[in-house]
C-alpha atoms as a PDB file:
ATOM      1  CA  MET A   1       0.000   0.000   0.000  1.00  0.00           C
ATOM      2  CA  THR A   2       1.471   3.365  -0.992  1.00  0.00           C
ATOM      3  CA  ALA A   3       1.783   6.470   1.202  1.00  0.00           C
ATOM      4  CA  ARG A   4      -0.737   8.306  -1.012  1.00  0.00           C
ATOM      5  CA  ALA A   5      -3.360   5.631  -0.351  1.00  0.00           C
ATOM      6  CA  LEU A   6      -2.990   6.253   3.413  1.00  0.00           C
ATOM      7  CA  THR A   7      -3.476  10.023   3.027  1.00  0.00           C
ATOM      8  CA  PRO A   8      -6.965  11.142   4.180  1.00  0.00           C
ATOM      9  CA  PRO A   9      -9.010  12.470   1.212  1.00  0.00           C
ATOM     10  CA  ALA A  10      -9.909  15.683   3.067  1.00  0.00           C
ATOM     11  CA  LEU A  11      -6.232  16.452   3.759  1.00  0.00           C
ATOM     12  CA  THR A  12      -5.326  15.785   0.102  1.00  0.00           C
ATOM     13  CA  LEU A  13      -8.099  18.109  -1.040  1.00  0.00           C
ATOM     14  CA  THR A  14      -6.927  20.824   1.357  1.00  0.00           C
ATOM     15  CA  LEU A  15      -3.329  20.605   0.152  1.00  0.00           C
ATOM     16  CA  ASP A  16      -4.461  20.677  -3.489  1.00  0.00           C
ATOM     17  CA  THR A  17      -6.639  23.719  -2.823  1.00  0.00           C
ATOM     18  CA  LEU A  18      -3.827  25.461  -0.948  1.00  0.00           C
ATOM     19  CA  GLY A  19      -1.388  24.732  -3.765  1.00  0.00           C
ATOM     20  CA  ALA A  20      -3.859  26.045  -6.346  1.00  0.00           C
ATOM     21  CA  TRP A  21      -4.334  29.278  -4.383  1.00  0.00           C
ATOM     22  CA  VAL A  22      -0.567  29.774  -3.994  1.00  0.00           C
ATOM     23  CA  LEU A  23       0.015  29.258  -7.721  1.00  0.00           C
ATOM     24  CA  ALA A  24      -2.873  31.589  -8.573  1.00  0.00           C
ATOM     25  CA  LEU A  25      -1.496  34.334  -6.306  1.00  0.00           C
ATOM     26  CA  VAL A  26       2.017  33.957  -7.752  1.00  0.00           C
ATOM     27  CA  TRP A  27       0.602  34.119 -11.280  1.00  0.00           C
ATOM     28  CA  ILE A  28      -1.564  37.189 -10.703  1.00  0.00           C
ATOM     29  CA  ALA A  29       0.897  39.109  -8.476  1.00  0.00           C
ATOM     30  CA  PRO A  30       2.662  40.987 -11.353  1.00  0.00           C
ATOM     31  CA  LEU A  31      -0.664  42.024 -12.875  1.00  0.00           C
ATOM     32  CA  GLY A  32      -1.949  43.079  -9.462  1.00  0.00           C
ATOM     33  CA  PHE A  33       1.121  45.229  -8.846  1.00  0.00           C
ATOM     34  CA  ALA A  34       0.786  46.793 -12.308  1.00  0.00           C
ATOM     35  CA  ALA A  35      -2.857  47.651 -11.583  1.00  0.00           C
ATOM     36  CA  TRP A  36      -1.863  49.187  -8.250  1.00  0.00           C
ATOM     37  CA  ALA A  37       1.099  51.142  -9.658  1.00  0.00           C
ATOM     38  CA  ALA A  38      -0.972  52.465 -12.581  1.00  0.00           C
ATOM     39  CA  VAL A  39      -3.236  54.453 -10.234  1.00  0.00           C
ATOM     40  CA  HIS A  40      -0.484  55.926  -8.066  1.00  0.00           C
ATOM     41  CA  SER A  41       2.255  58.472  -8.606  1.00  0.00           C
ATOM     42  CA  PRO A  42       5.713  57.115  -9.574  1.00  0.00           C
ATOM     43  CA  THR A  43       7.118  57.895  -6.117  1.00  0.00           C
ATOM     44  CA  ASP A  44       4.261  56.153  -4.315  1.00  0.00           C
ATOM     45  CA  ALA A  45       4.428  53.194  -6.700  1.00  0.00           C
ATOM     46  CA  VAL A  46       8.156  52.637  -6.132  1.00  0.00           C
ATOM     47  CA  GLY A  47       7.781  53.182  -2.377  1.00  0.00           C
ATOM     48  CA  PHE A  48       4.746  50.850  -2.295  1.00  0.00           C
ATOM     49  CA  ARG A  49       2.827  53.231  -0.017  1.00  0.00           C
ATOM     50  CA  LEU A  50      -0.597  51.684   0.423  1.00  0.00           C
ATOM     51  CA  SER A  51      -2.198  54.858   1.825  1.00  0.00           C
ATOM     52  CA  ALA A  52      -1.150  57.050  -1.141  1.00  0.00           C
ATOM     53  CA  PRO A  53      -3.928  58.852  -3.067  1.00  0.00           C
ATOM     54  CA  LEU A  54      -5.239  57.402  -6.321  1.00  0.00           C
ATOM     55  CA  THR A  55      -4.776  59.100  -9.697  1.00  0.00           C
ATOM     56  CA  LEU A  56      -5.665  58.418 -13.340  1.00  0.00           C
ATOM     57  CA  SER A  57      -3.086  60.822 -14.759  1.00  0.00           C
ATOM     58  CA  ASN A  58      -0.753  57.937 -15.649  1.00  0.00           C
ATOM     59  CA  PHE A  59      -3.240  56.651 -18.223  1.00  0.00           C
ATOM     60  CA  ALA A  60      -3.497  60.109 -19.815  1.00  0.00           C
ATOM     61  CA  THR A  61       0.311  60.435 -19.895  1.00  0.00           C
ATOM     62  CA  ALA A  62       0.697  56.983 -21.445  1.00  0.00           C
ATOM     63  CA  TRP A  63      -2.029  57.621 -24.056  1.00  0.00           C
ATOM     64  CA  GLU A  64      -0.422  60.886 -25.156  1.00  0.00           C
ATOM     65  CA  GLY A  65       3.072  59.385 -25.277  1.00  0.00           C
ATOM     66  CA  THR A  66       2.653  57.202 -28.360  1.00  0.00           C
ATOM     67  CA  PRO A  67       0.027  56.414 -31.067  1.00  0.00           C
ATOM     68  CA  TRP A  68      -1.812  53.683 -29.138  1.00  0.00           C
ATOM     69  CA  LEU A  69      -4.925  53.877 -31.301  1.00  0.00           C
ATOM     70  CA  ARG A  70      -2.822  52.999 -34.377  1.00  0.00           C
ATOM     71  CA  TYR A  71      -1.183  50.142 -32.447  1.00  0.00           C
ATOM     72  CA  PHE A  72      -4.597  48.823 -31.377  1.00  0.00           C
ATOM     73  CA  LEU A  73      -5.841  48.870 -34.961  1.00  0.00           C
ATOM     74  CA  ASN A  74      -2.655  47.171 -36.172  1.00  0.00           C
ATOM     75  CA  SER A  75      -2.974  44.394 -33.562  1.00  0.00           C
ATOM     76  CA  PHE A  76      -6.642  43.898 -34.444  1.00  0.00           C
ATOM     77  CA  ALA A  77      -5.815  43.722 -38.171  1.00  0.00           C
ATOM     78  CA  LEU A  78      -2.940  41.323 -37.455  1.00  0.00           C
ATOM     79  CA  VAL A  79      -4.893  38.798 -35.373  1.00  0.00           C
ATOM     80  CA  SER A  80      -7.830  38.966 -37.822  1.00  0.00           C
ATOM     81  CA  THR A  81      -5.562  38.326 -40.824  1.00  0.00           C
ATOM     82  CA  VAL A  82      -3.742  35.463 -39.133  1.00  0.00           C
ATOM     83  CA  LEU A  83      -6.971  33.863 -37.911  1.00  0.00           C
ATOM     84  CA  ALA A  84      -8.634  34.079 -41.328  1.00  0.00           C
ATOM     85  CA  GLY A  85      -5.599  32.498 -42.997  1.00  0.00           C
ATOM     86  CA  GLN A  86      -5.379  29.763 -40.356  1.00  0.00           C
ATOM     87  CA  PHE A  87      -9.071  28.907 -40.626  1.00  0.00           C
ATOM     88  CA  LEU A  88      -8.810  28.578 -44.404  1.00  0.00           C
ATOM     89  CA  LEU A  89      -5.570  26.577 -44.591  1.00  0.00           C
ATOM     90  CA  CYS A  90      -6.142  24.427 -41.496  1.00  0.00           C
ATOM     91  CA  THR A  91      -9.699  23.574 -42.563  1.00  0.00           C
ATOM     92  CA  LEU A  92      -8.644  22.441 -46.029  1.00  0.00           C
ATOM     93  CA  ALA A  93      -5.584  20.527 -44.771  1.00  0.00           C
ATOM     94  CA  GLY A  94      -7.453  18.946 -41.849  1.00  0.00           C
ATOM     95  CA  PHE A  95     -10.313  17.903 -44.131  1.00  0.00           C
ATOM     96  CA  ALA A  96      -7.886  16.328 -46.598  1.00  0.00           C
ATOM     97  CA  PHE A  97      -6.055  14.394 -43.880  1.00  0.00           C
ATOM     98  CA  ALA A  98      -9.318  13.263 -42.264  1.00  0.00           C
ATOM     99  CA  ARG A  99     -11.417  12.226 -45.263  1.00  0.00           C
ATOM    100  CA  PHE A 100      -9.207  11.580 -48.295  1.00  0.00           C
ATOM    101  CA  ALA A 101      -7.057   8.479 -48.690  1.00  0.00           C
ATOM    102  CA  PHE A 102      -3.981   9.189 -50.798  1.00  0.00           C
ATOM    103  CA  PRO A 103      -0.546   7.570 -50.961  1.00  0.00           C
ATOM    104  CA  GLY A 104       1.739   8.726 -48.158  1.00  0.00           C
ATOM    105  CA  ARG A 105      -1.057  10.478 -46.229  1.00  0.00           C
ATOM    106  CA  GLU A 106       0.212   9.472 -42.798  1.00  0.00           C
ATOM    107  CA  LEU A 107       3.810  10.261 -43.741  1.00  0.00           C
ATOM    108  CA  VAL A 108       2.847  13.750 -44.950  1.00  0.00           C
ATOM    109  CA  PHE A 109       0.760  14.316 -41.820  1.00  0.00           C
ATOM    110  CA  TYR A 110       3.655  13.399 -39.540  1.00  0.00           C
ATOM    111  CA  ALA A 111       5.916  15.680 -41.588  1.00  0.00           C
ATOM    112  CA  VAL A 112       3.453  18.520 -40.930  1.00  0.00           C
ATOM    113  CA  LEU A 113       3.496  17.727 -37.208  1.00  0.00           C
ATOM    114  CA  LEU A 114       7.277  18.134 -37.168  1.00  0.00           C
ATOM    115  CA  GLN A 115       6.602  21.864 -37.296  1.00  0.00           C
ATOM    116  CA  LEU A 116       5.554  21.623 -33.656  1.00  0.00           C
ATOM    117  CA  PHE A 117       9.125  20.737 -32.695  1.00  0.00           C
ATOM    118  CA  ILE A 118      10.706  23.740 -34.438  1.00  0.00           C
ATOM    119  CA  LEU A 119      10.924  26.971 -32.476  1.00  0.00           C
ATOM    120  CA  PRO A 120       9.730  29.977 -34.502  1.00  0.00           C
ATOM    121  CA  GLU A 121      12.868  31.887 -33.506  1.00  0.00           C
ATOM    122  CA  VAL A 122      15.002  29.403 -35.483  1.00  0.00           C
ATOM    123  CA  LEU A 123      13.275  30.434 -38.718  1.00  0.00           C
ATOM    124  CA  ILE A 124      13.440  34.193 -38.244  1.00  0.00           C
ATOM    125  CA  VAL A 125      16.325  34.723 -40.687  1.00  0.00           C
ATOM    126  CA  ASP A 126      14.703  32.599 -43.414  1.00  0.00           C
ATOM    127  CA  ASN A 127      11.304  34.205 -42.841  1.00  0.00           C
ATOM    128  CA  TYR A 128      12.881  37.647 -43.018  1.00  0.00           C
ATOM    129  CA  ALA A 129      14.551  36.817 -46.347  1.00  0.00           C
ATOM    130  CA  ILE A 130      11.305  35.424 -47.817  1.00  0.00           C
ATOM    131  CA  ALA A 131       9.185  38.343 -46.596  1.00  0.00           C
ATOM    132  CA  SER A 132      11.678  40.836 -48.028  1.00  0.00           C
ATOM    133  CA  ALA A 133      11.797  38.991 -51.368  1.00  0.00           C
ATOM    134  CA  LEU A 134       7.988  39.085 -51.550  1.00  0.00           C
ATOM    135  CA  GLY A 135       7.897  42.804 -50.751  1.00  0.00           C
ATOM    136  CA  LEU A 136       6.119  42.168 -47.439  1.00  0.00           C
ATOM    137  CA  PHE A 137       8.593  43.915 -45.147  1.00  0.00           C
ATOM    138  CA  ASP A 138       6.852  46.308 -42.745  1.00  0.00           C
ATOM    139  CA  THR A 139       3.349  45.088 -43.634  1.00  0.00           C
ATOM    140  CA  ILE A 140       0.587  43.401 -41.619  1.00  0.00           C
ATOM    141  CA  LEU A 141       0.547  40.484 -44.077  1.00  0.00           C
ATOM    142  CA  GLY A 142       4.306  40.081 -43.653  1.00  0.00           C
ATOM    143  CA  ILE A 143       3.863  39.770 -39.863  1.00  0.00           C
ATOM    144  CA  GLY A 144       1.084  37.209 -40.073  1.00  0.00           C
ATOM    145  CA  LEU A 145       2.085  35.106 -43.093  1.00  0.00           C
ATOM    146  CA  PRO A 146       4.568  32.749 -41.310  1.00  0.00           C
ATOM    147  CA  TYR A 147       1.854  31.657 -38.826  1.00  0.00           C
ATOM    148  CA  MET A 148      -1.016  30.863 -41.185  1.00  0.00           C
ATOM    149  CA  ALA A 149      -0.082  27.237 -41.934  1.00  0.00           C
ATOM    150  CA  SER A 150      -0.315  26.064 -38.328  1.00  0.00           C
ATOM    151  CA  ALA A 151       0.506  22.416 -37.612  1.00  0.00           C
ATOM    152  CA  PHE A 152      -1.414  22.667 -34.337  1.00  0.00           C
ATOM    153  CA  GLY A 153      -4.484  23.944 -36.165  1.00  0.00           C
ATOM    154  CA  ILE A 154      -4.250  21.241 -38.839  1.00  0.00           C
ATOM    155  CA  PHE A 155      -4.022  18.590 -36.132  1.00  0.00           C
ATOM    156  CA  LEU A 156      -7.053  20.002 -34.286  1.00  0.00           C
ATOM    157  CA  MET A 157      -9.176  20.192 -37.452  1.00  0.00           C
ATOM    158  CA  ARG A 158      -8.191  16.675 -38.511  1.00  0.00           C
ATOM    159  CA  GLN A 159      -9.188  15.269 -35.144  1.00  0.00           C
ATOM    160  CA  ALA A 160     -12.483  17.210 -35.145  1.00  0.00           C
ATOM    161  CA  PHE A 161     -13.420  16.131 -38.680  1.00  0.00           C
ATOM    162  CA  ARG A 162     -12.638  12.485 -37.931  1.00  0.00           C
ATOM    163  CA  GLN A 163     -15.272  12.510 -35.176  1.00  0.00           C
ATOM    164  CA  VAL A 164     -18.054  13.518 -37.596  1.00  0.00           C
ATOM    165  CA  PRO A 165     -20.227  10.467 -38.479  1.00  0.00           C
ATOM    166  CA  VAL A 166     -19.710   9.307 -42.051  1.00  0.00           C
ATOM    167  CA  GLU A 167     -23.492   8.883 -42.354  1.00  0.00           C
ATOM    168  CA  LEU A 168     -23.906  12.673 -42.334  1.00  0.00           C
ATOM    169  CA  GLU A 169     -21.425  12.975 -45.184  1.00  0.00           C
ATOM    170  CA  GLU A 170     -23.192  10.231 -47.158  1.00  0.00           C
ATOM    171  CA  ALA A 171     -26.577  11.894 -46.626  1.00  0.00           C
ATOM    172  CA  ALA A 172     -25.211  15.194 -47.907  1.00  0.00           C
ATOM    173  CA  ARG A 173     -23.704  13.448 -50.933  1.00  0.00           C
ATOM    174  CA  ILE A 174     -27.072  11.813 -51.702  1.00  0.00           C
ATOM    175  CA  GLU A 175     -28.683  15.260 -51.539  1.00  0.00           C
ATOM    176  CA  GLY A 176     -26.294  16.377 -54.261  1.00  0.00           C
ATOM    177  CA  CYS A 177     -23.570  18.188 -52.312  1.00  0.00           C
ATOM    178  CA  GLY A 178     -20.065  18.199 -53.745  1.00  0.00           C
ATOM    179  CA  TRP A 179     -16.989  18.049 -51.529  1.00  0.00           C
ATOM    180  CA  ALA A 180     -17.088  21.805 -50.947  1.00  0.00           C
ATOM    181  CA  GLY A 181     -20.763  21.575 -49.959  1.00  0.00           C
ATOM    182  CA  VAL A 182     -20.091  18.655 -47.621  1.00  0.00           C
ATOM    183  CA  LEU A 183     -17.288  20.584 -45.957  1.00  0.00           C
ATOM    184  CA  TRP A 184     -19.331  23.772 -45.621  1.00  0.00           C
ATOM    185  CA  ARG A 185     -22.675  22.226 -44.591  1.00  0.00           C
ATOM    186  CA  VAL A 186     -21.574  19.211 -42.531  1.00  0.00           C
ATOM    187  CA  TYR A 187     -18.023  19.290 -41.218  1.00  0.00           C
ATOM    188  CA  ILE A 188     -17.534  22.974 -40.402  1.00  0.00           C
ATOM    189  CA  PRO A 189     -20.805  23.298 -38.395  1.00  0.00           C
ATOM    190  CA  ALA A 190     -19.978  20.083 -36.509  1.00  0.00           C
ATOM    191  CA  ALA A 191     -16.536  21.428 -35.578  1.00  0.00           C
ATOM    192  CA  LYS A 192     -17.689  24.827 -34.221  1.00  0.00           C
ATOM    193  CA  PRO A 193     -16.456  24.188 -30.625  1.00  0.00           C
ATOM    194  CA  THR A 194     -12.999  23.314 -31.979  1.00  0.00           C
ATOM    195  CA  TYR A 195     -12.960  26.447 -34.117  1.00  0.00           C
ATOM    196  CA  LEU A 196     -13.862  28.567 -31.096  1.00  0.00           C
ATOM    197  CA  ALA A 197     -11.174  27.014 -28.891  1.00  0.00           C
ATOM    198  CA  TYR A 198      -8.545  27.385 -31.582  1.00  0.00           C
ATOM    199  CA  ALA A 199      -9.574  30.994 -32.298  1.00  0.00           C
ATOM    200  CA  LEU A 200      -9.153  31.932 -28.642  1.00  0.00           C
ATOM    201  CA  VAL A 201      -5.673  30.403 -28.484  1.00  0.00           C
ATOM    202  CA  SER A 202      -4.622  31.943 -31.795  1.00  0.00           C
ATOM    203  CA  VAL A 203      -5.836  35.448 -30.934  1.00  0.00           C
ATOM    204  CA  ALA A 204      -4.148  35.385 -27.519  1.00  0.00           C
ATOM    205  CA  THR A 205      -0.885  34.081 -29.013  1.00  0.00           C
ATOM    206  CA  HIS A 206      -0.597  36.601 -31.834  1.00  0.00           C
ATOM    207  CA  TRP A 207      -1.890  39.510 -29.784  1.00  0.00           C
ATOM    208  CA  ASN A 208       1.072  38.922 -27.437  1.00  0.00           C
ATOM    209  CA  ASN A 209       3.637  37.966 -30.092  1.00  0.00           C
ATOM    210  CA  PHE A 210       6.650  40.227 -29.927  1.00  0.00           C
ATOM    211  CA  LEU A 211       9.929  39.084 -31.490  1.00  0.00           C
ATOM    212  CA  TRP A 212       8.893  38.548 -35.122  1.00  0.00           C
ATOM    213  CA  PRO A 213       6.794  41.773 -35.316  1.00  0.00           C
ATOM    214  CA  LEU A 214       9.766  43.662 -33.857  1.00  0.00           C
ATOM    215  CA  VAL A 215      12.047  42.270 -36.593  1.00  0.00           C
ATOM    216  CA  ILE A 216       9.739  42.726 -39.574  1.00  0.00           C
ATOM    217  CA  THR A 217       8.283  46.165 -38.779  1.00  0.00           C
ATOM    218  CA  ASN A 218       9.990  49.501 -39.055  1.00  0.00           C
ATOM    219  CA  SER A 219       7.263  52.120 -38.658  1.00  0.00           C
ATOM    220  CA  ALA A 220       4.364  53.038 -36.399  1.00  0.00           C
ATOM    221  CA  GLU A 221       2.004  52.373 -39.332  1.00  0.00           C
ATOM    222  CA  THR A 222       2.382  48.612 -38.919  1.00  0.00           C
ATOM    223  CA  ARG A 223       3.674  48.029 -35.373  1.00  0.00           C
ATOM    224  CA  PRO A 224       1.346  46.028 -33.107  1.00  0.00           C
ATOM    225  CA  LEU A 225       0.768  46.825 -29.448  1.00  0.00           C
ATOM    226  CA  THR A 226       3.550  44.643 -28.084  1.00  0.00           C
ATOM    227  CA  VAL A 227       6.236  46.382 -30.144  1.00  0.00           C
ATOM    228  CA  GLY A 228       4.768  49.803 -29.392  1.00  0.00           C
ATOM    229  CA  LEU A 229       4.782  49.017 -25.669  1.00  0.00           C
ATOM    230  CA  SER A 230       8.405  47.837 -25.751  1.00  0.00           C
ATOM    231  CA  LEU A 231       9.536  51.042 -27.486  1.00  0.00           C
ATOM    232  CA  PHE A 232       7.447  53.133 -25.105  1.00  0.00           C
ATOM    233  CA  ALA A 233       9.039  51.401 -22.093  1.00  0.00           C
ATOM    234  CA  ALA A 234      12.610  51.462 -23.438  1.00  0.00           C
ATOM    235  CA  PRO A 235      15.176  52.731 -20.856  1.00  0.00           C
ATOM    236  CA  GLU A 236      16.296  55.533 -23.179  1.00  0.00           C
ATOM    237  CA  SER A 237      12.731  56.897 -23.041  1.00  0.00           C
ATOM    238  CA  GLY A 238      12.950  57.198 -19.252  1.00  0.00           C
ATOM    239  CA  VAL A 239      11.641  54.548 -16.849  1.00  0.00           C
ATOM    240  CA  ASN A 240       8.399  55.627 -15.157  1.00  0.00           C
ATOM    241  CA  ILE A 241       6.979  52.540 -13.507  1.00  0.00           C
ATOM    242  CA  ALA A 242       3.540  54.096 -13.002  1.00  0.00           C
ATOM    243  CA  VAL A 243       3.119  55.208 -16.629  1.00  0.00           C
ATOM    244  CA  ILE A 244       4.537  51.916 -17.945  1.00  0.00           C
ATOM    245  CA  SER A 245       2.081  50.002 -15.747  1.00  0.00           C
ATOM    246  CA  ALA A 246      -0.782  52.104 -17.124  1.00  0.00           C
ATOM    247  CA  ALA A 247       0.380  51.398 -20.698  1.00  0.00           C
ATOM    248  CA  THR A 248       0.647  47.680 -19.913  1.00  0.00           C
ATOM    249  CA  LEU A 249      -2.919  47.594 -18.595  1.00  0.00           C
ATOM    250  CA  MET A 250      -4.158  49.347 -21.731  1.00  0.00           C
ATOM    251  CA  THR A 251      -2.358  46.715 -23.831  1.00  0.00           C
ATOM    252  CA  VAL A 252      -3.827  43.683 -22.052  1.00  0.00           C
ATOM    253  CA  ALA A 253      -7.267  45.227 -21.437  1.00  0.00           C
ATOM    254  CA  PRO A 254      -8.948  43.977 -24.660  1.00  0.00           C
ATOM    255  CA  LEU A 255      -7.880  40.357 -24.089  1.00  0.00           C
ATOM    256  CA  LEU A 256      -8.708  40.495 -20.388  1.00  0.00           C
ATOM    257  CA  LEU A 257     -12.138  41.975 -21.068  1.00  0.00           C
ATOM    258  CA  ALA A 258     -12.866  39.405 -23.777  1.00  0.00           C
ATOM    259  CA  PHE A 259     -11.849  36.575 -21.433  1.00  0.00           C
ATOM    260  CA  LEU A 260     -14.105  37.846 -18.651  1.00  0.00           C
ATOM    261  CA  ILE A 261     -17.072  38.178 -21.041  1.00  0.00           C
ATOM    262  CA  PHE A 262     -16.596  34.830 -22.813  1.00  0.00           C
ATOM    263  CA  GLN A 263     -15.165  32.899 -19.863  1.00  0.00           C
ATOM    264  CA  ARG A 264     -17.872  30.227 -19.876  1.00  0.00           C
ATOM    265  CA  GLN A 265     -17.707  29.683 -23.652  1.00  0.00           C
ATOM    266  CA  PHE A 266     -13.900  29.603 -23.427  1.00  0.00           C
ATOM    267  CA  ILE A 267     -13.886  26.764 -20.871  1.00  0.00           C
ATOM    268  CA  GLN A 268     -16.680  24.805 -22.565  1.00  0.00           C
ATOM    269  CA  ALA A 269     -14.967  25.029 -25.947  1.00  0.00           C
ATOM    270  CA  PHE A 270     -11.735  23.637 -24.544  1.00  0.00           C
ATOM    271  CA  LEU A 271     -13.530  20.864 -22.702  1.00  0.00           C
ATOM    272  CA  ARG A 272     -15.345  19.767 -25.865  1.00  0.00           C
ATOM    273  CA  ALA A 273     -12.185  19.990 -27.973  1.00  0.00           C
ATOM    274  CA  GLY A 274     -10.240  18.043 -25.326  1.00  0.00           C
ATOM    275  CA  ILE A 275     -12.841  15.276 -25.148  1.00  0.00           C
ATOM    276  CA  ARG A 276     -12.625  14.847 -28.915  1.00  0.00           C
END
């Protein structure tokens, strides 16, 4: 009999709950400090004076310091472009791997999955050369193009399409649907929870992506929020912890607000996708 089997269930539950609370507090501590520093003066923020008066002037200073509205629009255009490209390519590739039998299908699928083992940073030089050759340097399409053929997305779509009963496909074929009609009327509606889960992960990932946008952009006309925030908080611009905290909160606010609004759908989508 193992030591775990002798542990009382109530004590195990208490330790698990305590561990979860400790991890949650450690995870949220930086964001909590940023929220606190953003509404205090720089001196009070650095001194961590809890009784200091509140102020919203840091948000006004941060907003006037750089073109945040342009950065917001660029980030929105970037995640929308990437998501549209991923939906198109991953749907077609996942459908082909799930429903079409062709020579070497499994071998090609495993070759696609190898992408998961390659860090994006390794391909920066090659991606930079290709984007420059295509005339996509300092463009939104140039930032998003390397991420559109996602191996993770192809894998998710393949697994979701394989769970759709073949009888539905046969019924659609009898009704006169071609392959495009079967995909549009049967498989895509059946895979909506997977699409939602993947969209949430993709938007969060590319909203926060930093290194590649920093390399491929050169002007405020195309920089996303992450690059704009890094330039705004650069040491040569002067370090003001209160203003930087306010700018950070403005950057994460859209994602945080979306998560709070769609929290239930977010969890349910992942549960359904995980079960499949």
